Amino acid sequence: MLSFLVIIYLRKTKIYNRTLNPFLSAEKKLNVNSLKRKAFISGPIQDIETEQTYREVIREICIRCGYEPVDPWQREKIIYKGTKPDWWTKVPAAGFIRRDLGDIEKCDVLIAYLPRLSAGTCMELFYAKLKGKKAICICPLENPSPWIIVHSETILKDIDELEAVLKCDSK
């Protein structure tokens, strides 16, 4: 019943057809391993562990535009399944941060989704810029921090604008 309600919600928000519908999956139509460029997907996780559907939207857009998506959530979501109140203090933070930074170094572009401020996403944005990577920020915030503005080549207000930007880069 819950999955049915989620699908109804996603259809109303126009996310379903782009993300969860297996018949429309760009990944199934393309061999992801054949894509030459890589895009790191960055976005808030902590406290919204069950609201990560934006990653699938970005993933599908990346694939359609010729980018292999690199999403740390795919390997780290098991870490965020903690059930005890102090579970976060037992997470091996240095290891997963090191893996994320290594992934950013291997990517051509970082796509930061910032519907709200996120320390981790801002740090990844800063690191990508430090390493000379292109950074695209999807930030609907009314007045984003100057740090976000300075460390992003492109700032989009809506996730639906991403495809046009990535297609322009592929030409």
N, C-alpha and C. Protein backbone atom coordinates (compact mmCIF):
# COMPACT_ATOMS: atom_id res chain seq x y z
N MET A 1 0.82 -1.19 0.00
CA MET A 1 0.00 0.00 0.00
C MET A 1 0.86 1.25 0.00
N LEU A 2 1.95 1.25 0.80
CA LEU A 2 2.81 2.40 0.87
C LEU A 2 3.45 2.69 -0.49
N SER A 3 3.93 1.65 -1.18
CA SER A 3 4.55 1.88 -2.48
C SER A 3 3.55 2.44 -3.48
N PHE A 4 2.30 2.02 -3.39
CA PHE A 4 1.27 2.56 -4.26
C PHE A 4 1.09 4.05 -4.01
N LEU A 5 1.08 4.46 -2.73
CA LEU A 5 0.93 5.87 -2.39
C LEU A 5 2.14 6.68 -2.84
N VAL A 6 3.33 6.09 -2.73
CA VAL A 6 4.53 6.77 -3.19
C VAL A 6 4.46 7.01 -4.69
N ILE A 7 4.03 6.01 -5.45
CA ILE A 7 3.92 6.17 -6.90
C ILE A 7 2.91 7.24 -7.25
N ILE A 8 1.78 7.29 -6.55
CA ILE A 8 0.79 8.33 -6.81
C ILE A 8 1.40 9.71 -6.54
N TYR A 9 2.11 9.85 -5.43
CA TYR A 9 2.75 11.12 -5.11
C TYR A 9 3.77 11.49 -6.18
N LEU A 10 4.62 10.55 -6.58
CA LEU A 10 5.65 10.84 -7.57
C LEU A 10 5.04 11.18 -8.93
N ARG A 11 3.93 10.53 -9.28
CA ARG A 11 3.27 10.89 -10.54
C ARG A 11 2.75 12.31 -10.49
N LYS A 12 2.18 12.69 -9.38
CA LYS A 12 1.66 14.05 -9.24
C LYS A 12 2.78 15.07 -9.29
N THR A 13 3.95 14.72 -8.82
CA THR A 13 5.07 15.65 -8.84
C THR A 13 5.92 15.48 -10.10
N LYS A 14 5.48 14.66 -11.02
CA LYS A 14 6.13 14.44 -12.31
C LYS A 14 7.50 13.79 -12.19
N ILE A 15 7.76 13.13 -11.08
CA ILE A 15 9.04 12.45 -10.90
C ILE A 15 8.96 11.00 -11.35
N TYR A 16 7.82 10.35 -11.19
CA TYR A 16 7.69 8.92 -11.46
C TYR A 16 8.15 8.53 -12.86
N ASN A 17 7.63 9.21 -13.86
CA ASN A 17 7.94 8.80 -15.23
C ASN A 17 9.42 8.94 -15.56
N ARG A 18 10.13 9.80 -14.85
CA ARG A 18 11.54 9.98 -15.13
C ARG A 18 12.42 9.10 -14.28
N THR A 19 11.90 8.53 -13.20
CA THR A 19 12.81 7.85 -12.28
C THR A 19 12.47 6.40 -12.00
N LEU A 20 11.27 6.14 -11.55
CA LEU A 20 10.98 4.82 -11.03
C LEU A 20 10.30 3.89 -12.03
N ASN A 21 9.86 4.41 -13.14
CA ASN A 21 9.20 3.58 -14.13
C ASN A 21 10.26 2.77 -14.88
N PRO A 22 10.34 1.48 -14.66
CA PRO A 22 11.41 0.69 -15.25
C PRO A 22 11.36 0.64 -16.78
N PHE A 23 10.23 0.93 -17.37
CA PHE A 23 10.11 0.89 -18.82
C PHE A 23 10.72 2.12 -19.47
N LEU A 24 10.96 3.17 -18.70
CA LEU A 24 11.52 4.39 -19.24
C LEU A 24 12.97 4.60 -18.82
N SER A 25 13.55 3.66 -18.14
CA SER A 25 14.88 3.83 -17.59
C SER A 25 15.94 3.99 -18.68
N ALA A 26 16.64 5.12 -18.63
CA ALA A 26 17.71 5.37 -19.59
C ALA A 26 18.85 4.37 -19.38
N GLU A 27 19.02 3.94 -18.16
CA GLU A 27 20.10 3.00 -17.85
C GLU A 27 19.91 1.69 -18.60
N LYS A 28 18.67 1.27 -18.79
CA LYS A 28 18.40 0.03 -19.49
C LYS A 28 18.62 0.17 -21.00
N LYS A 29 18.47 1.39 -21.51
CA LYS A 29 18.64 1.63 -22.94
C LYS A 29 20.09 1.87 -23.32
N LEU A 30 20.89 2.34 -22.35
CA LEU A 30 22.29 2.63 -22.62
C LEU A 30 23.17 1.74 -21.76
N ASN A 31 24.33 1.41 -22.26
CA ASN A 31 25.31 0.71 -21.46
C ASN A 31 26.08 1.78 -20.67
N VAL A 32 25.78 1.90 -19.38
CA VAL A 32 26.36 2.95 -18.57
C VAL A 32 27.88 2.89 -18.59
N ASN A 33 28.43 1.70 -18.65
CA ASN A 33 29.89 1.55 -18.64
C ASN A 33 30.54 2.10 -19.90
N SER A 34 29.76 2.32 -20.96
CA SER A 34 30.33 2.84 -22.20
C SER A 34 30.40 4.37 -22.21
N LEU A 35 29.81 5.02 -21.22
CA LEU A 35 29.82 6.47 -21.17
C LEU A 35 31.22 6.95 -20.78
N LYS A 36 31.71 7.97 -21.48
CA LYS A 36 33.09 8.41 -21.28
C LYS A 36 33.25 9.44 -20.17
N ARG A 37 32.24 10.24 -19.93
CA ARG A 37 32.34 11.26 -18.90
C ARG A 37 31.59 10.81 -17.65
N LYS A 38 32.03 11.34 -16.51
CA LYS A 38 31.41 10.95 -15.24
C LYS A 38 30.91 12.18 -14.50
N ALA A 39 29.76 12.01 -13.84
CA ALA A 39 29.15 13.08 -13.05
C ALA A 39 28.93 12.57 -11.63
N PHE A 40 29.48 13.28 -10.67
CA PHE A 40 29.31 12.95 -9.26
C PHE A 40 28.01 13.60 -8.78
N ILE A 41 27.14 12.82 -8.17
CA ILE A 41 25.87 13.32 -7.66
C ILE A 41 26.03 13.61 -6.17
N SER A 42 25.86 14.87 -5.82
CA SER A 42 26.01 15.32 -4.45
C SER A 42 24.69 15.91 -3.97
N GLY A 43 24.36 15.67 -2.72
CA GLY A 43 23.13 16.23 -2.17
C GLY A 43 22.96 15.82 -0.73
N PRO A 44 22.05 16.46 -0.02
CA PRO A 44 21.86 16.17 1.40
C PRO A 44 21.37 14.74 1.63
N ILE A 45 21.88 14.14 2.69
CA ILE A 45 21.47 12.79 3.07
C ILE A 45 20.97 12.78 4.52
N GLN A 46 21.80 13.29 5.41
CA GLN A 46 21.49 13.19 6.84
C GLN A 46 20.16 13.88 7.16
N ASP A 47 19.33 13.15 7.86
CA ASP A 47 17.98 13.56 8.28
C ASP A 47 16.93 13.49 7.17
N ILE A 48 17.34 13.16 5.95
CA ILE A 48 16.36 12.92 4.87
C ILE A 48 16.70 11.63 4.12
N GLU A 49 17.15 10.64 4.90
CA GLU A 49 17.59 9.37 4.31
C GLU A 49 16.50 8.70 3.48
N THR A 50 15.27 8.92 3.80
CA THR A 50 14.17 8.27 3.06
C THR A 50 13.65 9.14 1.93
N GLU A 51 14.30 10.26 1.67
CA GLU A 51 13.85 11.19 0.63
C GLU A 51 14.95 11.41 -0.40
N GLN A 52 15.46 10.35 -0.96
CA GLN A 52 16.58 10.42 -1.89
C GLN A 52 16.19 10.25 -3.36
N THR A 53 14.90 10.39 -3.68
CA THR A 53 14.46 10.18 -5.06
C THR A 53 15.07 11.17 -6.04
N TYR A 54 15.49 12.33 -5.56
CA TYR A 54 16.12 13.31 -6.44
C TYR A 54 17.36 12.71 -7.11
N ARG A 55 18.01 11.79 -6.44
CA ARG A 55 19.21 11.17 -7.01
C ARG A 55 18.88 10.36 -8.26
N GLU A 56 17.74 9.68 -8.25
CA GLU A 56 17.33 8.92 -9.44
C GLU A 56 17.00 9.84 -10.61
N VAL A 57 16.39 10.97 -10.32
CA VAL A 57 16.09 11.96 -11.36
C VAL A 57 17.39 12.44 -11.99
N ILE A 58 18.34 12.83 -11.16
CA ILE A 58 19.63 13.32 -11.66
C ILE A 58 20.37 12.21 -12.41
N ARG A 59 20.31 11.01 -11.89
CA ARG A 59 20.96 9.86 -12.52
C ARG A 59 20.44 9.64 -13.95
N GLU A 60 19.13 9.65 -14.10
CA GLU A 60 18.52 9.45 -15.43
C GLU A 60 18.92 10.57 -16.39
N ILE A 61 18.93 11.80 -15.91
CA ILE A 61 19.33 12.93 -16.76
C ILE A 61 20.79 12.78 -17.19
N CYS A 62 21.65 12.41 -16.25
CA CYS A 62 23.07 12.22 -16.58
C CYS A 62 23.24 11.18 -17.69
N ILE A 63 22.59 10.07 -17.55
CA ILE A 63 22.72 8.99 -18.53
C ILE A 63 22.23 9.46 -19.90
N ARG A 64 21.09 10.12 -19.94
CA ARG A 64 20.57 10.62 -21.22
C ARG A 64 21.52 11.61 -21.88
N CYS A 65 22.31 12.31 -21.07
CA CYS A 65 23.22 13.32 -21.60
C CYS A 65 24.65 12.79 -21.80
N GLY A 66 24.83 11.49 -21.62
CA GLY A 66 26.13 10.89 -21.90
C GLY A 66 27.11 10.86 -20.74
N TYR A 67 26.61 11.05 -19.52
CA TYR A 67 27.46 11.00 -18.33
C TYR A 67 27.17 9.74 -17.53
N GLU A 68 28.23 9.09 -17.09
CA GLU A 68 28.06 7.98 -16.15
C GLU A 68 27.86 8.58 -14.76
N PRO A 69 26.73 8.31 -14.12
CA PRO A 69 26.53 8.87 -12.79
C PRO A 69 27.35 8.13 -11.74
N VAL A 70 27.96 8.89 -10.86
CA VAL A 70 28.70 8.34 -9.73
C VAL A 70 27.97 8.86 -8.49
N ASP A 71 27.29 7.97 -7.81
CA ASP A 71 26.44 8.37 -6.70
C ASP A 71 26.86 7.66 -5.42
N PRO A 72 27.47 8.38 -4.48
CA PRO A 72 27.92 7.72 -3.25
C PRO A 72 26.77 7.12 -2.44
N TRP A 73 25.57 7.60 -2.64
CA TRP A 73 24.41 7.05 -1.92
C TRP A 73 24.24 5.57 -2.24
N GLN A 74 24.59 5.16 -3.44
CA GLN A 74 24.42 3.76 -3.83
C GLN A 74 25.25 2.82 -2.96
N ARG A 75 26.42 3.26 -2.53
CA ARG A 75 27.24 2.38 -1.68
C ARG A 75 27.06 2.69 -0.20
N GLU A 76 26.61 3.91 0.13
CA GLU A 76 26.57 4.33 1.53
C GLU A 76 25.20 4.26 2.17
N LYS A 77 24.17 3.97 1.39
CA LYS A 77 22.82 3.99 2.00
C LYS A 77 22.67 2.97 3.12
N ILE A 78 23.46 1.91 3.10
CA ILE A 78 23.39 0.93 4.17
C ILE A 78 23.87 1.53 5.50
N ILE A 79 24.79 2.48 5.42
CA ILE A 79 25.29 3.14 6.62
C ILE A 79 24.17 3.91 7.32
N TYR A 80 23.26 4.45 6.53
CA TYR A 80 22.21 5.32 7.07
C TYR A 80 20.97 4.54 7.54
N LYS A 81 21.10 3.26 7.72
CA LYS A 81 19.99 2.44 8.20
C LYS A 81 20.02 2.28 9.72
N GLY A 82 20.79 3.12 10.39
CA GLY A 82 20.93 3.01 11.85
C GLY A 82 19.60 3.12 12.56
N THR A 83 19.43 2.30 13.59
CA THR A 83 18.15 2.30 14.32
C THR A 83 18.30 2.79 15.76
N LYS A 84 19.51 2.80 16.28
CA LYS A 84 19.71 3.27 17.65
C LYS A 84 19.91 4.79 17.63
N PRO A 85 19.53 5.46 18.73
CA PRO A 85 19.63 6.92 18.77
C PRO A 85 21.02 7.48 18.49
N ASP A 86 22.07 6.79 18.90
CA ASP A 86 23.43 7.31 18.71
C ASP A 86 24.17 6.61 17.56
N TRP A 87 23.43 6.07 16.60
CA TRP A 87 24.05 5.30 15.52
C TRP A 87 25.07 6.12 14.74
N TRP A 88 24.83 7.40 14.57
CA TRP A 88 25.69 8.24 13.74
C TRP A 88 27.11 8.33 14.31
N THR A 89 27.24 8.26 15.63
CA THR A 89 28.56 8.37 16.25
C THR A 89 29.43 7.14 15.96
N LYS A 90 28.83 6.07 15.49
CA LYS A 90 29.57 4.84 15.22
C LYS A 90 29.90 4.66 13.72
N VAL A 91 29.54 5.63 12.91
CA VAL A 91 29.81 5.56 11.47
C VAL A 91 31.28 5.89 11.22
N PRO A 92 31.97 5.07 10.42
CA PRO A 92 33.38 5.33 10.10
C PRO A 92 33.49 6.49 9.09
N ALA A 93 33.33 7.71 9.57
CA ALA A 93 33.21 8.89 8.71
C ALA A 93 34.42 9.11 7.80
N ALA A 94 35.61 8.97 8.32
CA ALA A 94 36.81 9.25 7.51
C ALA A 94 36.87 8.37 6.26
N GLY A 95 36.47 7.11 6.41
CA GLY A 95 36.52 6.19 5.26
C GLY A 95 35.56 6.58 4.16
N PHE A 96 34.30 6.88 4.50
CA PHE A 96 33.38 7.19 3.42
C PHE A 96 33.63 8.58 2.85
N ILE A 97 34.16 9.51 3.63
CA ILE A 97 34.51 10.81 3.08
C ILE A 97 35.68 10.66 2.11
N ARG A 98 36.66 9.86 2.47
CA ARG A 98 37.81 9.61 1.58
C ARG A 98 37.35 9.00 0.26
N ARG A 99 36.41 8.07 0.32
CA ARG A 99 35.88 7.45 -0.92
C ARG A 99 35.14 8.49 -1.77
N ASP A 100 34.35 9.34 -1.12
CA ASP A 100 33.62 10.37 -1.86
C ASP A 100 34.59 11.33 -2.56
N LEU A 101 35.61 11.77 -1.85
CA LEU A 101 36.57 12.70 -2.44
C LEU A 101 37.33 12.04 -3.60
N GLY A 102 37.65 10.77 -3.44
CA GLY A 102 38.30 10.04 -4.54
C GLY A 102 37.39 9.96 -5.76
N ASP A 103 36.11 9.73 -5.53
CA ASP A 103 35.15 9.69 -6.65
C ASP A 103 35.06 11.04 -7.34
N ILE A 104 35.05 12.12 -6.57
CA ILE A 104 34.99 13.46 -7.16
C ILE A 104 36.20 13.69 -8.06
N GLU A 105 37.36 13.25 -7.62
CA GLU A 105 38.58 13.42 -8.43
C GLU A 105 38.49 12.70 -9.77
N LYS A 106 37.76 11.60 -9.82
CA LYS A 106 37.63 10.81 -11.05
C LYS A 106 36.53 11.32 -11.98
N CYS A 107 35.77 12.28 -11.51
CA CYS A 107 34.63 12.77 -12.30
C CYS A 107 34.97 14.03 -13.07
N ASP A 108 34.17 14.29 -14.10
CA ASP A 108 34.32 15.48 -14.91
C ASP A 108 33.50 16.65 -14.37
N VAL A 109 32.40 16.32 -13.74
CA VAL A 109 31.49 17.35 -13.24
C VAL A 109 30.87 16.88 -11.93
N LEU A 110 30.61 17.84 -11.04
CA LEU A 110 29.87 17.56 -9.81
C LEU A 110 28.52 18.25 -9.93
N ILE A 111 27.47 17.50 -9.68
CA ILE A 111 26.12 18.06 -9.67
C ILE A 111 25.66 18.07 -8.21
N ALA A 112 25.54 19.28 -7.66
CA ALA A 112 25.15 19.45 -6.26
C ALA A 112 23.68 19.84 -6.21
N TYR A 113 22.90 19.04 -5.50
CA TYR A 113 21.49 19.34 -5.29
C TYR A 113 21.34 19.90 -3.89
N LEU A 114 20.94 21.17 -3.78
CA LEU A 114 20.85 21.83 -2.48
C LEU A 114 19.46 22.44 -2.26
N PRO A 115 18.46 21.59 -1.98
CA PRO A 115 17.15 22.14 -1.66
C PRO A 115 17.14 22.76 -0.26
N ARG A 116 18.17 22.42 0.51
CA ARG A 116 18.42 23.00 1.83
C ARG A 116 19.92 22.92 2.05
N LEU A 117 20.41 23.68 3.00
CA LEU A 117 21.85 23.65 3.24
C LEU A 117 22.27 22.28 3.76
N SER A 118 23.43 21.84 3.30
CA SER A 118 23.99 20.56 3.69
C SER A 118 25.49 20.72 3.78
N ALA A 119 26.04 20.49 4.96
CA ALA A 119 27.49 20.64 5.16
C ALA A 119 28.26 19.74 4.19
N GLY A 120 27.85 18.49 4.08
CA GLY A 120 28.57 17.56 3.20
C GLY A 120 28.53 17.98 1.75
N THR A 121 27.37 18.39 1.27
CA THR A 121 27.24 18.82 -0.12
C THR A 121 28.09 20.06 -0.38
N CYS A 122 28.08 21.01 0.56
CA CYS A 122 28.90 22.22 0.39
C CYS A 122 30.39 21.88 0.38
N MET A 123 30.80 20.94 1.22
CA MET A 123 32.21 20.53 1.23
C MET A 123 32.58 19.85 -0.09
N GLU A 124 31.70 19.02 -0.61
CA GLU A 124 31.96 18.37 -1.89
C GLU A 124 32.03 19.39 -3.02
N LEU A 125 31.17 20.39 -2.97
CA LEU A 125 31.19 21.47 -3.96
C LEU A 125 32.52 22.22 -3.91
N PHE A 126 32.96 22.55 -2.72
CA PHE A 126 34.23 23.24 -2.52
C PHE A 126 35.39 22.38 -3.04
N TYR A 127 35.37 21.10 -2.70
CA TYR A 127 36.46 20.19 -3.10
C TYR A 127 36.51 20.04 -4.62
N ALA A 128 35.36 19.92 -5.24
CA ALA A 128 35.32 19.79 -6.70
C ALA A 128 35.95 21.02 -7.35
N LYS A 129 35.60 22.18 -6.87
CA LYS A 129 36.16 23.42 -7.43
C LYS A 129 37.67 23.47 -7.18
N LEU A 130 38.10 23.08 -5.98
CA LEU A 130 39.51 23.05 -5.64
C LEU A 130 40.29 22.15 -6.61
N LYS A 131 39.67 21.06 -7.04
CA LYS A 131 40.30 20.11 -7.95
C LYS A 131 40.08 20.46 -9.43
N GLY A 132 39.49 21.63 -9.70
CA GLY A 132 39.32 22.07 -11.09
C GLY A 132 38.16 21.42 -11.82
N LYS A 133 37.22 20.85 -11.09
CA LYS A 133 36.06 20.20 -11.72
C LYS A 133 34.96 21.23 -11.97
N LYS A 134 34.18 20.97 -12.99
CA LYS A 134 33.01 21.81 -13.23
C LYS A 134 31.97 21.47 -12.17
N ALA A 135 31.29 22.50 -11.65
CA ALA A 135 30.28 22.27 -10.64
C ALA A 135 28.97 22.93 -11.05
N ILE A 136 27.93 22.12 -11.07
CA ILE A 136 26.58 22.60 -11.36
C ILE A 136 25.78 22.45 -10.07
N CYS A 137 25.15 23.52 -9.64
CA CYS A 137 24.39 23.48 -8.40
C CYS A 137 22.91 23.71 -8.69
N ILE A 138 22.08 22.80 -8.22
CA ILE A 138 20.63 22.95 -8.31
C ILE A 138 20.20 23.45 -6.94
N CYS A 139 19.85 24.73 -6.87
CA CYS A 139 19.64 25.37 -5.57
C CYS A 139 18.41 26.28 -5.62
N PRO A 140 17.27 25.78 -5.17
CA PRO A 140 16.06 26.60 -5.17
C PRO A 140 16.01 27.61 -4.02
N LEU A 141 17.05 27.63 -3.18
CA LEU A 141 17.07 28.58 -2.07
C LEU A 141 16.98 30.00 -2.60
N GLU A 142 16.24 30.84 -1.92
CA GLU A 142 16.02 32.22 -2.36
C GLU A 142 17.32 33.02 -2.37
N ASN A 143 18.14 32.84 -1.36
CA ASN A 143 19.36 33.63 -1.23
C ASN A 143 20.52 32.71 -0.85
N PRO A 144 21.09 31.97 -1.83
CA PRO A 144 22.16 31.02 -1.48
C PRO A 144 23.41 31.72 -0.96
N SER A 145 24.15 31.01 -0.18
CA SER A 145 25.41 31.52 0.38
C SER A 145 26.36 31.94 -0.73
N PRO A 146 27.15 32.98 -0.50
CA PRO A 146 28.18 33.35 -1.48
C PRO A 146 29.14 32.21 -1.76
N TRP A 147 29.34 31.31 -0.79
CA TRP A 147 30.22 30.16 -1.00
C TRP A 147 29.65 29.24 -2.07
N ILE A 148 28.35 29.08 -2.08
CA ILE A 148 27.70 28.25 -3.11
C ILE A 148 27.84 28.93 -4.47
N ILE A 149 27.59 30.20 -4.51
CA ILE A 149 27.65 30.96 -5.77
C ILE A 149 29.05 30.93 -6.37
N VAL A 150 30.06 31.20 -5.55
CA VAL A 150 31.44 31.27 -6.03
C VAL A 150 31.97 29.92 -6.49
N HIS A 151 31.49 28.82 -5.89
CA HIS A 151 32.03 27.50 -6.22
C HIS A 151 31.18 26.73 -7.24
N SER A 152 30.26 27.44 -7.90
CA SER A 152 29.42 26.81 -8.92
C SER A 152 29.57 27.56 -10.24
N GLU A 153 29.84 26.83 -11.30
CA GLU A 153 29.86 27.48 -12.62
C GLU A 153 28.45 27.85 -13.05
N THR A 154 27.51 26.98 -12.70
CA THR A 154 26.11 27.17 -13.08
C THR A 154 25.24 26.92 -11.86
N ILE A 155 24.28 27.80 -11.64
CA ILE A 155 23.31 27.59 -10.57
C ILE A 155 21.93 27.54 -11.21
N LEU A 156 21.24 26.44 -10.97
CA LEU A 156 19.89 26.23 -11.49
C LEU A 156 18.90 26.32 -10.35
N LYS A 157 17.71 26.79 -10.63
CA LYS A 157 16.66 26.87 -9.61
C LYS A 157 15.87 25.57 -9.51
N ASP A 158 15.86 24.78 -10.59
CA ASP A 158 15.03 23.59 -10.64
C ASP A 158 15.78 22.44 -11.30
N ILE A 159 15.54 21.25 -10.83
CA ILE A 159 16.19 20.04 -11.36
C ILE A 159 15.85 19.83 -12.85
N ASP A 160 14.70 20.33 -13.28
CA ASP A 160 14.31 20.17 -14.69
C ASP A 160 15.20 20.95 -15.65
N GLU A 161 15.98 21.88 -15.16
CA GLU A 161 16.89 22.67 -16.00
C GLU A 161 18.21 21.95 -16.28
N LEU A 162 18.49 20.90 -15.54
CA LEU A 162 19.78 20.21 -15.62
C LEU A 162 20.06 19.62 -16.99
N GLU A 163 19.07 19.00 -17.59
CA GLU A 163 19.29 18.32 -18.87
C GLU A 163 19.79 19.28 -19.94
N ALA A 164 19.22 20.46 -20.01
CA ALA A 164 19.64 21.44 -21.01
C ALA A 164 21.10 21.85 -20.80
N VAL A 165 21.50 22.02 -19.56
CA VAL A 165 22.88 22.41 -19.25
C VAL A 165 23.85 21.30 -19.62
N LEU A 166 23.52 20.05 -19.26
CA LEU A 166 24.41 18.95 -19.58
C LEU A 166 24.47 18.69 -21.08
N LYS A 167 23.37 18.87 -21.79
CA LYS A 167 23.38 18.70 -23.25
C LYS A 167 24.26 19.75 -23.91
N CYS A 168 24.25 20.98 -23.40
CA CYS A 168 25.10 22.03 -23.94
C CYS A 168 26.57 21.66 -23.75
N ASP A 169 26.90 21.04 -22.63
CA ASP A 169 28.27 20.63 -22.35
C ASP A 169 28.75 19.52 -23.27
N SER A 170 27.82 18.72 -23.76
CA SER A 170 28.21 17.57 -24.56
C SER A 170 28.45 17.92 -26.03
N LYS A 171 28.18 19.15 -26.39
CA LYS A 171 28.36 19.55 -27.79
C LYS A 171 29.76 20.03 -28.05
